[in-house]
Protein backbone atom coordinates (compact mmCIF):
# COMPACT_ATOMS: atom_id res chain seq x y z
CA UNK A 1 -84.01 -94.78 20.60
CA UNK A 2 -82.95 -96.32 17.86
CA UNK A 3 -81.94 -93.63 14.54
CA UNK A 4 -84.46 -93.49 11.88
CA UNK A 5 -84.73 -90.52 9.87
CA UNK A 6 -88.10 -92.01 8.68
CA UNK A 7 -89.56 -92.48 12.63
CA UNK A 8 -90.14 -89.73 14.84
CA UNK A 9 -90.67 -90.76 18.44
CA UNK A 10 -91.91 -89.28 21.95
CA UNK A 11 -92.54 -90.04 25.64
CA UNK A 12 -95.51 -89.12 27.64
CA UNK A 13 -93.59 -87.39 29.79
CA UNK A 14 -90.21 -85.55 28.57
CA UNK A 15 -87.18 -84.44 30.32
CA UNK A 16 -86.19 -81.38 28.05
CA UNK A 17 -83.99 -79.35 31.09
CA UNK A 18 -80.37 -78.42 30.88
CA UNK A 19 -78.43 -81.15 31.08
CA UNK A 20 -76.80 -80.27 34.91
CA UNK A 21 -74.99 -83.74 35.80
CA UNK A 22 -71.81 -83.99 33.55
CA UNK A 23 -69.29 -83.80 37.18
CA UNK A 24 -70.66 -87.13 37.27
CA UNK A 25 -68.47 -87.75 33.55
CA UNK A 26 -65.65 -89.99 34.44
CA UNK A 27 -62.61 -89.21 31.61
CA UNK A 28 -60.67 -91.85 30.23
CA UNK A 29 -62.69 -94.67 31.49
CA UNK A 30 -65.26 -97.01 29.95
CA UNK A 31 -68.68 -98.88 31.76
CA UNK A 32 -68.07 -102.47 29.87
CA UNK A 33 -71.20 -104.46 29.44
CA UNK A 34 -75.07 -103.71 30.67
CA UNK A 35 -75.41 -102.40 27.38
CA UNK A 36 -79.49 -101.22 26.18
CA UNK A 37 -78.35 -99.65 22.74
CA UNK A 38 -75.58 -97.86 21.01
CA UNK A 39 -76.38 -95.29 18.92
CA UNK A 40 -74.42 -92.34 17.16
CA UNK A 41 -74.53 -88.96 18.84
CA UNK A 42 -73.32 -85.14 18.51
CA UNK A 43 -71.63 -85.51 22.53
CA UNK A 44 -71.70 -86.43 25.46
CA UNK A 45 -75.02 -84.15 26.73
CA UNK A 46 -76.89 -85.76 23.62
CA UNK A 47 -76.00 -89.08 24.78
CA UNK A 48 -76.97 -88.73 28.13
CA UNK A 49 -80.51 -87.05 26.60
CA UNK A 50 -81.14 -90.52 25.08
CA UNK A 51 -80.62 -92.15 28.42
CA UNK A 52 -82.78 -89.89 29.49
CA UNK A 53 -85.64 -90.77 27.32
CA UNK A 54 -84.64 -94.92 28.13
CA UNK A 55 -86.65 -96.35 30.64
CA UNK A 56 -84.02 -98.68 32.34
CA UNK A 57 -81.01 -96.14 31.52
CA UNK A 58 -78.97 -95.70 34.38
CA UNK A 59 -75.88 -95.17 33.19
CA UNK A 60 -73.96 -94.33 29.65
CA UNK A 61 -70.23 -94.92 27.95
CA UNK A 62 -69.32 -92.10 25.47
CA UNK A 63 -66.95 -93.88 22.60
CA UNK A 64 -65.04 -90.68 21.56
CA UNK A 65 -63.44 -91.72 17.93
CA UNK A 66 -66.43 -92.45 16.25
CA UNK A 67 -69.19 -90.41 18.79
CA UNK A 68 -71.03 -93.37 19.82
CA UNK A 69 -73.21 -93.60 22.72
CA UNK A 70 -73.59 -96.37 25.13
CA UNK A 71 -77.05 -97.03 27.77
CA UNK A 72 -76.09 -98.97 30.09
CA UNK A 73 -78.78 -100.79 32.35
CA UNK A 74 -76.76 -100.32 35.62
CA UNK A 75 -74.58 -98.19 37.36
CA UNK A 76 -70.90 -98.75 36.11
CA UNK A 77 -71.88 -101.06 33.99
CA UNK A 78 -71.78 -104.75 34.23
CA UNK A 79 -68.87 -105.44 36.56
CA UNK A 80 -67.32 -101.99 37.54
CA UNK A 81 -65.42 -99.31 35.06
CA UNK A 82 -61.99 -99.86 33.38
CA UNK A 83 -59.42 -97.43 32.35
CA UNK A 84 -59.66 -96.89 28.51
CA UNK A 85 -58.42 -94.03 27.28
CA UNK A 86 -61.16 -92.45 24.60
CA UNK A 87 -63.92 -93.56 26.44
CA UNK A 88 -65.87 -91.18 28.76
CA UNK A 89 -69.03 -92.58 31.03
CA UNK A 90 -71.60 -91.43 34.02
CA UNK A 91 -73.93 -92.83 36.05
CA UNK A 92 -77.06 -90.30 35.42
CA UNK A 93 -77.13 -90.12 39.48
CA UNK A 94 -73.60 -90.14 41.43
CA UNK A 95 -72.49 -89.36 44.82
CA UNK A 96 -70.47 -85.66 44.13
CA UNK A 97 -70.39 -85.36 47.81
CA UNK A 98 -68.65 -88.86 48.50
CA UNK A 99 -66.28 -88.25 51.19
CA UNK A 100 -63.25 -91.33 51.90
CA UNK A 101 -63.82 -92.57 55.22
CA UNK A 102 -59.98 -93.32 56.22
CA UNK A 103 -61.21 -95.08 59.32
CA UNK A 104 -62.40 -97.94 57.45
CA UNK A 105 -59.19 -98.75 56.05
CA UNK A 106 -57.64 -102.59 57.29
CA UNK A 107 -53.92 -102.05 56.45
CA UNK A 108 -52.10 -105.30 55.48
CA UNK A 109 -55.45 -107.28 55.13
CA UNK A 110 -56.59 -108.85 51.47
CA UNK A 111 -60.10 -109.42 51.00
CA UNK A 112 -59.92 -112.12 48.81
CA UNK A 113 -62.84 -113.44 46.58
CA UNK A 114 -66.52 -112.15 45.27
CA UNK A 115 -64.51 -109.76 42.84
CA UNK A 116 -66.72 -107.34 40.12
CA UNK A 117 -62.93 -106.28 38.21
CA UNK A 118 -59.57 -105.18 38.70
CA UNK A 119 -57.91 -101.31 37.51
CA UNK A 120 -55.35 -99.39 38.05
CA UNK A 121 -55.96 -96.17 40.36
CA UNK A 122 -53.82 -93.87 42.17
CA UNK A 123 -54.59 -94.91 45.64
CA UNK A 124 -57.46 -96.23 47.86
CA UNK A 125 -59.29 -93.05 47.59
CA UNK A 126 -59.54 -93.26 43.78
CA UNK A 127 -60.24 -96.71 44.16
CA UNK A 128 -62.90 -96.43 46.43
CA UNK A 129 -64.09 -93.86 44.04
CA UNK A 130 -65.03 -96.54 41.51
CA UNK A 131 -66.63 -98.56 43.63
CA UNK A 132 -68.87 -96.00 44.52
CA UNK A 133 -69.51 -95.38 40.86
CA UNK A 134 -70.43 -99.67 40.54
CA UNK A 135 -73.62 -100.71 41.30
CA UNK A 136 -73.15 -103.78 43.73
CA UNK A 137 -69.62 -102.94 45.09
CA UNK A 138 -69.14 -103.00 48.89
CA UNK A 139 -66.28 -103.01 49.13
CA UNK A 140 -62.09 -102.88 47.35
CA UNK A 141 -58.74 -104.12 48.34
CA UNK A 142 -55.99 -101.70 46.80
CA UNK A 143 -52.50 -103.38 46.35
CA UNK A 144 -49.99 -101.07 46.76
CA UNK A 145 -46.87 -102.61 44.70
CA UNK A 146 -48.74 -102.27 40.92
CA UNK A 147 -51.12 -99.68 41.89
CA UNK A 148 -54.20 -102.11 41.51
CA UNK A 149 -57.72 -101.70 42.85
CA UNK A 150 -60.03 -104.32 43.34
CA UNK A 151 -63.25 -104.09 43.23
CA UNK A 152 -65.75 -106.50 45.91
CA UNK A 153 -69.98 -107.24 45.96
CA UNK A 154 -69.09 -108.81 49.59
CA UNK A 155 -67.99 -106.95 52.29
CA UNK A 156 -65.35 -108.91 53.51
CA UNK A 157 -64.56 -110.30 50.15
CA UNK A 158 -66.45 -113.68 49.66
CA UNK A 159 -65.35 -115.32 52.85
CA UNK A 160 -63.76 -112.52 55.25
CA UNK A 161 -60.51 -110.74 55.48
CA UNK A 162 -56.63 -112.72 55.32
CA UNK A 163 -53.68 -110.76 56.17
CA UNK A 164 -51.73 -109.99 52.74
CA UNK A 165 -48.75 -107.35 53.72
CA UNK A 166 -48.60 -105.20 50.53
CA UNK A 167 -52.53 -104.94 50.55
CA UNK A 168 -54.94 -102.51 52.42
CA UNK A 169 -58.51 -103.24 52.32
CA UNK A 170 -61.91 -101.20 52.64
CA UNK A 171 -66.00 -102.04 53.23
CA UNK A 172 -67.65 -98.66 51.90
CA UNK A 173 -69.98 -98.93 55.45
CA UNK A 174 -67.61 -100.16 58.30
CA UNK A 175 -68.33 -99.98 62.07
CA UNK A 176 -65.57 -98.37 63.75
CA UNK A 177 -67.31 -98.39 67.50
CA UNK A 178 -66.08 -100.29 70.60
CA UNK A 179 -67.05 -103.81 70.98
CA UNK A 180 -69.76 -103.61 73.55
CA UNK A 181 -71.16 -107.13 72.81
CA UNK A 182 -68.72 -109.52 75.05
CA UNK A 183 -71.69 -110.53 77.29
CA UNK A 184 -72.44 -112.99 74.54
CA UNK A 185 -69.16 -114.62 74.80
CA UNK A 186 -69.64 -118.13 76.37
CA UNK A 187 -66.74 -119.86 77.60
CA UNK A 188 -65.54 -123.59 76.95
CA UNK A 189 -68.02 -123.65 74.37
CA UNK A 190 -67.07 -124.50 70.65
CA UNK A 191 -68.90 -123.39 67.73
CA UNK A 192 -67.89 -126.21 65.10
CA UNK A 193 -68.12 -126.15 61.99
CA UNK A 194 -69.79 -123.02 59.51
CA UNK A 195 -66.63 -121.86 58.76
CA UNK A 196 -65.85 -119.12 57.25
CA UNK A 197 -62.45 -117.61 57.97
CA UNK A 198 -59.15 -118.52 60.90
CA UNK A 199 -56.92 -115.95 61.31
CA UNK A 200 -54.84 -115.07 64.57
CA UNK A 201 -55.88 -112.38 66.14
CA UNK A 202 -54.30 -110.43 69.28
CA UNK A 203 -58.04 -110.22 71.38
CA UNK A 204 -61.88 -111.40 71.20
CA UNK A 205 -62.43 -107.32 70.33
CA UNK A 206 -60.00 -108.06 67.13
CA UNK A 207 -61.84 -111.12 66.31
CA UNK A 208 -64.98 -109.67 67.03
CA UNK A 209 -64.11 -106.72 64.35
CA UNK A 210 -62.91 -108.99 62.02
CA UNK A 211 -66.36 -110.69 61.91
CA UNK A 212 -68.08 -107.27 61.45
CA UNK A 213 -66.09 -106.76 58.43
CA UNK A 214 -67.07 -110.05 57.09
CA UNK A 215 -70.83 -110.03 55.27
CA UNK A 216 -71.58 -113.23 56.30
CA UNK A 217 -70.50 -113.52 59.90
CA UNK A 218 -72.71 -113.70 62.07
CA UNK A 219 -70.36 -115.82 64.90
CA UNK A 220 -67.09 -116.41 66.12
CA UNK A 221 -65.50 -118.66 67.73
CA UNK A 222 -61.43 -118.26 70.25
CA UNK A 223 -59.14 -120.50 71.40
CA UNK A 224 -56.11 -119.74 73.69
CA UNK A 225 -52.62 -121.27 72.35
CA UNK A 226 -49.31 -120.41 74.44
CA UNK A 227 -48.54 -118.65 71.26
CA UNK A 228 -51.54 -117.34 69.18
CA UNK A 229 -54.74 -116.84 69.96
CA UNK A 230 -56.38 -117.74 67.01
CA UNK A 231 -60.37 -116.73 65.76
CA UNK A 232 -63.09 -118.48 63.50
CA UNK A 233 -65.05 -116.96 61.45
CA UNK A 234 -68.79 -118.30 61.16
CA UNK A 235 -71.38 -118.62 58.76
CA UNK A 236 -74.49 -119.58 61.05
CA UNK A 237 -74.97 -118.89 65.06
CA UNK A 238 -74.44 -121.32 67.13
CA UNK A 239 -71.42 -123.21 64.17
CA UNK A 240 -72.98 -125.61 61.87
CA UNK A 241 -75.14 -127.81 63.98
CA UNK A 242 -75.32 -126.08 67.61
CA UNK A 243 -72.31 -125.51 70.12
CA UNK A 244 -70.23 -128.47 72.18
CA UNK A 245 -68.64 -127.75 75.20
CA UNK A 246 -64.74 -127.72 74.87
CA UNK A 247 -62.37 -126.45 77.06
CA UNK A 248 -59.93 -123.74 75.99
CA UNK A 249 -62.13 -122.27 73.70
CA UNK A 250 -65.20 -119.36 73.68
CA UNK A 251 -67.59 -119.11 71.25
CA UNK A 252 -70.42 -116.27 70.91
CA UNK A 253 -72.95 -115.03 68.47
CA UNK A 254 -72.78 -111.33 66.99
CA UNK A 255 -77.02 -110.91 68.69
CA UNK A 256 -77.57 -112.88 71.28
CA UNK A 257 -79.97 -112.68 73.84
CA UNK A 258 -79.21 -112.83 77.52
CA UNK A 259 -82.56 -112.16 78.82
CA UNK A 260 -84.18 -114.22 81.23
CA UNK A 261 -85.36 -117.27 80.19
CA UNK A 262 -89.28 -116.99 80.84
CA UNK A 263 -91.10 -119.30 78.32
CA UNK A 264 -90.56 -122.54 80.89
CA UNK A 265 -94.29 -123.01 80.33
CA UNK A 266 -93.81 -123.97 76.71
CA UNK A 267 -91.78 -127.06 78.62
CA UNK A 268 -94.31 -130.58 77.75
CA UNK A 269 -93.34 -132.84 81.32
CA UNK A 270 -93.14 -136.72 80.10
CA UNK A 271 -92.98 -135.62 76.53
CA UNK A 272 -90.19 -136.09 74.36
CA UNK A 273 -89.99 -134.88 70.83
CA UNK A 274 -87.83 -137.64 68.66
CA UNK A 275 -85.19 -136.66 65.49
CA UNK A 276 -84.75 -133.50 63.94
CA UNK A 277 -81.66 -133.61 66.25
CA UNK A 278 -78.76 -130.66 65.83
CA UNK A 279 -76.66 -131.24 68.86
CA UNK A 280 -77.08 -132.97 72.26
CA UNK A 281 -74.77 -132.15 75.29
CA UNK A 282 -74.57 -132.05 78.79
CA UNK A 283 -76.37 -128.77 80.63
CA UNK A 284 -76.72 -127.57 83.85
CA UNK A 285 -80.48 -127.74 83.70
CA UNK A 286 -83.43 -126.73 81.39
CA UNK A 287 -83.12 -123.71 81.51
CA UNK A 288 -79.05 -124.30 79.79
CA UNK A 289 -80.67 -126.09 77.27
CA UNK A 290 -83.15 -123.08 76.09
CA UNK A 291 -80.37 -121.01 76.66
CA UNK A 292 -77.75 -123.41 73.89
CA UNK A 293 -81.02 -123.93 71.82
CA UNK A 294 -81.39 -119.68 71.67
CA UNK A 295 -77.76 -119.64 70.56
CA UNK A 296 -78.53 -121.76 67.87
CA UNK A 297 -79.37 -120.66 63.71
CA UNK A 298 -82.12 -123.64 63.21
CA UNK A 299 -82.97 -124.73 67.13
CA UNK A 300 -86.30 -123.91 67.21
CA UNK A 301 -87.54 -126.28 69.94
CA UNK A 302 -85.46 -129.16 72.58
CA UNK A 303 -85.59 -132.39 74.51
CA UNK A 304 -84.42 -132.31 78.09
CA UNK A 305 -83.37 -136.39 78.98
CA UNK A 306 -83.23 -135.80 83.45
CA UNK A 307 -81.50 -138.94 84.00
CA UNK A 308 -78.50 -137.34 82.43
CA UNK A 309 -79.25 -134.04 81.69
CA UNK A 310 -78.66 -133.97 78.72
CA UNK A 311 -79.83 -131.52 76.18
CA UNK A 312 -80.60 -132.24 72.47
CA UNK A 313 -81.14 -129.52 70.24
CA UNK A 314 -84.02 -129.89 67.33
CA UNK A 315 -84.61 -127.94 64.09
CA UNK A 316 -88.70 -129.31 63.79
CA UNK A 317 -90.87 -127.81 66.38
CA UNK A 318 -92.14 -131.42 67.76
CA UNK A 319 -88.95 -132.90 66.36
CA UNK A 320 -89.26 -134.67 63.19
CA UNK A 321 -92.84 -136.13 63.10
CA UNK A 322 -94.57 -135.18 66.58
CA UNK A 323 -94.20 -135.65 70.31
CA UNK A 324 -94.47 -139.48 72.04
CA UNK A 325 -95.28 -139.89 75.67
CA UNK A 326 -91.69 -140.92 77.46
CA UNK A 327 -91.13 -141.14 81.32
CA UNK A 328 -88.13 -139.11 82.23
CA UNK A 329 -87.87 -136.52 79.54
CA UNK A 330 -89.14 -132.76 79.10
CA UNK A 331 -89.41 -131.24 76.24
CA UNK A 332 -90.74 -127.72 74.47
CA UNK A 333 -91.05 -125.60 71.07
CA UNK A 334 -89.36 -122.02 71.94
CA UNK A 335 -92.34 -120.60 70.76
CA UNK A 336 -96.22 -122.11 71.82
CA UNK A 337 -99.69 -121.78 72.25
CA UNK A 338 -100.82 -122.44 75.68
CA UNK A 339 -104.57 -120.55 74.80
CA UNK A 340 -107.15 -122.57 75.58
CA UNK A 341 -108.76 -125.06 72.94
CA UNK A 342 -111.12 -123.01 70.87
CA UNK A 343 -111.56 -124.73 67.87
CA UNK A 344 -113.87 -127.74 68.54
CA UNK A 345 -116.68 -126.60 66.59
CA UNK A 346 -113.97 -128.10 63.24
CA UNK A 347 -114.74 -131.40 65.23
CA UNK A 348 -116.31 -133.94 62.45
CA UNK A 349 -118.30 -136.95 64.08
CA UNK A 350 -118.27 -140.32 63.05
CA UNK A 351 -115.55 -139.32 60.50
CA UNK A 352 -111.73 -140.24 59.71
CA UNK A 353 -108.77 -138.89 58.16
CA UNK A 354 -106.57 -141.30 56.89
CA UNK A 355 -103.04 -141.37 56.19
CA UNK A 356 -100.87 -138.68 56.24
CA UNK A 357 -100.05 -139.57 59.69
CA UNK A 358 -97.15 -138.06 61.71
CA UNK A 359 -97.77 -139.90 65.40
CA UNK A 360 -100.20 -141.69 67.24
CA UNK A 361 -100.79 -140.89 70.76
CA UNK A 362 -103.18 -142.45 74.20
CA UNK A 363 -103.87 -139.02 75.05
CA UNK A 364 -107.00 -137.72 77.85
CA UNK A 365 -109.81 -136.17 75.61
CA UNK A 366 -109.72 -134.33 71.99
CA UNK A 367 -108.26 -131.24 73.27
CA UNK A 368 -104.87 -132.77 74.58
CA UNK A 369 -104.47 -134.54 70.96
CA UNK A 370 -105.39 -130.75 69.30
CA UNK A 371 -102.42 -129.15 72.03
CA UNK A 372 -100.27 -131.80 70.10
CA UNK A 373 -100.97 -131.20 67.24
CA UNK A 374 -100.12 -127.89 67.92
CA UNK A 375 -96.94 -128.23 69.26
CA UNK A 376 -95.61 -130.27 66.22
CA UNK A 377 -94.84 -128.48 62.62
CA UNK A 378 -96.21 -130.09 59.90
CA UNK A 379 -99.50 -130.95 61.90
CA UNK A 380 -102.68 -129.95 60.40
CA UNK A 381 -105.52 -132.11 61.32
CA UNK A 382 -105.89 -134.91 63.66
CA UNK A 383 -108.10 -138.07 64.11
CA UNK A 384 -109.48 -139.02 67.50
CA UNK A 385 -110.36 -142.62 68.41
CA UNK A 386 -113.23 -143.02 71.34
CA UNK A 387 -112.69 -146.87 72.33
CA UNK A 388 -108.99 -146.07 72.94
CA UNK A 389 -108.68 -142.43 73.06
CA UNK A 390 -106.01 -142.58 70.61
CA UNK A 391 -104.76 -139.08 68.88
CA UNK A 392 -103.58 -139.81 65.34
CA UNK A 393 -101.40 -136.27 64.25
CA UNK A 394 -101.97 -135.52 60.01
CA UNK A 395 -99.76 -133.57 57.38
CA UNK A 396 -103.09 -133.03 55.53
CA UNK A 397 -106.02 -131.30 55.85
CA UNK A 398 -108.52 -134.17 56.22
CA UNK A 399 -105.62 -137.10 56.17
CA UNK A 400 -103.86 -138.68 53.08
CA UNK A 401 -106.79 -137.82 50.25
CA UNK A 402 -109.92 -136.92 52.33
CA UNK A 403 -112.07 -137.52 54.80
CA UNK A 404 -114.42 -141.09 55.59
CA UNK A 405 -117.03 -141.38 57.53
CA UNK A 406 -116.53 -144.05 60.11
CA UNK A 407 -118.08 -144.53 63.41
CA UNK A 408 -116.28 -144.76 66.95
CA UNK A 409 -114.07 -141.67 64.97
CA UNK A 410 -114.27 -138.13 65.20
CA UNK A 411 -111.83 -135.71 63.16
CA UNK A 412 -111.24 -131.97 62.56
CA UNK A 413 -108.42 -130.02 60.83
CA UNK A 414 -107.08 -126.99 62.80
CA UNK A 415 -108.63 -124.48 60.57
CA UNK A 416 -111.92 -124.96 59.16
CA UNK A 417 -115.16 -123.00 57.07
CA UNK A 418 -118.20 -124.14 58.77
CA UNK A 419 -119.67 -121.36 56.56
CA UNK A 420 -122.98 -121.75 54.52
CA UNK A 421 -122.81 -122.78 51.05
CA UNK A 422 -123.27 -119.48 49.15
CA UNK A 423 -126.81 -121.27 46.64
CA UNK A 424 -125.75 -117.93 43.99
CA UNK A 425 -122.65 -119.83 43.41
CA UNK A 426 -123.82 -123.69 42.33
CA UNK A 427 -124.10 -124.40 38.89
CA UNK A 428 -127.79 -126.11 38.46
CA UNK A 429 -127.51 -129.03 35.57
CA UNK A 430 -123.80 -128.60 35.42
CA UNK A 431 -121.11 -131.14 35.56
CA UNK A 432 -117.67 -130.13 35.81
CA UNK A 433 -116.01 -132.79 33.71
CA UNK A 434 -112.42 -135.04 35.01
CA UNK A 435 -109.61 -133.93 37.34
CA UNK A 436 -111.34 -136.38 40.09
CA UNK A 437 -109.81 -136.71 43.22
CA UNK A 438 -112.41 -139.11 44.66
CA UNK A 439 -115.91 -139.46 44.97
CA UNK A 440 -118.27 -140.99 47.76
CA UNK A 441 -122.31 -141.25 48.36
CA UNK A 442 -123.55 -138.50 50.98
CA UNK A 443 -126.98 -136.71 51.73
CA UNK A 444 -126.95 -133.48 49.70
CA UNK A 445 -124.94 -130.75 47.94
CA UNK A 446 -124.11 -129.08 51.65
CA UNK A 447 -122.34 -132.05 52.68
CA UNK A 448 -120.25 -132.62 49.14
CA UNK A 449 -119.17 -129.10 49.94
CA UNK A 450 -118.31 -129.38 53.71
CA UNK A 451 -116.12 -132.96 52.81
CA UNK A 452 -114.22 -130.72 50.11
CA UNK A 453 -113.52 -127.82 52.45
CA UNK A 454 -112.03 -130.38 54.79
CA UNK A 455 -109.71 -131.95 52.30
CA UNK A 456 -106.13 -130.98 51.33
CA UNK A 457 -106.12 -130.02 47.53
CA UNK A 458 -110.12 -129.92 47.13
CA UNK A 459 -110.74 -127.10 44.55
CA UNK A 460 -114.31 -128.18 43.26
CA UNK A 461 -117.00 -130.78 43.63
CA UNK A 462 -120.27 -131.69 41.62
CA UNK A 463 -122.97 -133.56 43.04
CA UNK A 464 -125.25 -135.68 41.34
CA UNK A 465 -128.18 -135.54 43.01
CA UNK A 466 -129.97 -138.79 41.65
CA UNK A 467 -127.34 -141.25 43.21
CA UNK A 468 -126.10 -138.66 45.90
CA UNK A 469 -122.82 -138.88 44.74
CA UNK A 470 -120.08 -136.49 45.64
CA UNK A 471 -117.30 -135.52 43.10
CA UNK A 472 -114.43 -133.83 44.69
CA UNK A 473 -112.10 -132.19 41.96
CA UNK A 474 -108.74 -130.94 42.60
CA UNK A 475 -108.92 -128.13 40.07
CA UNK A 476 -111.63 -124.61 39.74
CA UNK A 477 -112.84 -125.08 36.35
CA UNK A 478 -113.52 -122.17 33.94
CA UNK A 479 -117.29 -121.37 32.20
CA UNK A 480 -116.39 -122.72 29.19
CA UNK A 481 -115.61 -126.24 30.76
CA UNK A 482 -119.23 -126.37 31.40
CA UNK A 483 -121.06 -129.41 30.53
CA UNK A 484 -124.38 -130.17 30.90
CA UNK A 485 -125.78 -132.36 32.62
CA UNK A 486 -129.45 -132.83 34.68
CA UNK A 487 -129.76 -133.73 37.89
CA UNK A 488 -125.93 -132.55 38.39
CA UNK A 489 -125.04 -129.37 40.80
CA UNK A 490 -120.88 -127.86 40.98
CA UNK A 491 -119.51 -125.41 42.05
CA UNK A 492 -115.84 -123.59 42.16
CA UNK A 493 -115.14 -123.63 46.38
CA UNK A 494 -113.38 -120.55 46.06
CA UNK A 495 -116.83 -118.86 45.30
CA UNK A 496 -118.99 -121.14 47.40
């Protein structure tokens, strides 16, 4: 609200109840920033009522000197409270039952970075209360010698804790339970890259606890030197690109899958997935290769070379552009579709989808071609050439610019619409002007619509009945864009 003597205002629903939340008031505290409005008031209670009347108001500050009320859109203001005489501040909702969990204190550790604000407080508990009052605050660091409290918007600071005498740090929510996931530890394995922080630790458990305390940490690597154990906190499962064999190292993801490998039915014999490589390493067999892929953040597929047991971890299903038939290799996606091919009703006889090619392979039949497309991340359509049993995998429905009629070919989108044309949607003697993709001579309006449905960006058609010419349109048309033209029929696909 704004004070104007010549106006009266009201909300359709209002709260005129007694002000009962003054226990949330923080004396001598200012919530800077996130201002919605400031106005003169009689006291804090009137300020609270104005906040009640304002949609996005969640907090306020009251300046005693001139009785000015500042309405705020964020709890604790823009970046948290500051100690400032003459101000009183409060959040409209506060936790009056807050209990400081001293077990969450990490003595001698600083959580550097991710700072919201800092202020002087009596101790860690008062510091934590200010954090609770601040919208984004999830952690604190407290410097003992000057009693300075640092409010943090990330657990563990920006990249994790550091051993710093004179500091104590706390996450508002912490996990002090016993470490029970050391079965995720991989012996003689290092996760290179994606480093957050390096610390010297006394054990694997201590390293895991530091990772727990760090918001972005999802994995760790450890190495044992003659004098100390080193702990590397990682922001990606398996490190940046996946594990490597490295003696003296042990690595683990905070969450792992140690279940039996039960998806080897996804393995394609004599097939290689070229490109999209993350990492390659020597393994004991396909099962170990699958486990390494499971442990790697971006890994969704793999290829295995039998001659030297080399495992290639892949970031895309089917590799960068689809499978190739290559003796001596086996490949698989971690998730695959082995269901019977039941969408051959989408096959268009005597039709080729030119362009948008991913891969060409020789196959036994259309069903095998469809299966290769299923295995390829970007594949949405195929063309099949009868004479050579050639299979063309396509990254766009209908190819680069839509179907063409070509004897000896059959083509299909993996998903298609074979519904009959809804004649009620067709506009007679109407032409849709411009926005043409291409045009073809076709038998009738039904064929015109079906070819448009099979083309990735086609949204509407106009069919000239005199020339039997179909115009494919890249946008839908509104009623006011219709142009009158005899023997023309137009329709938006969303209606047809």
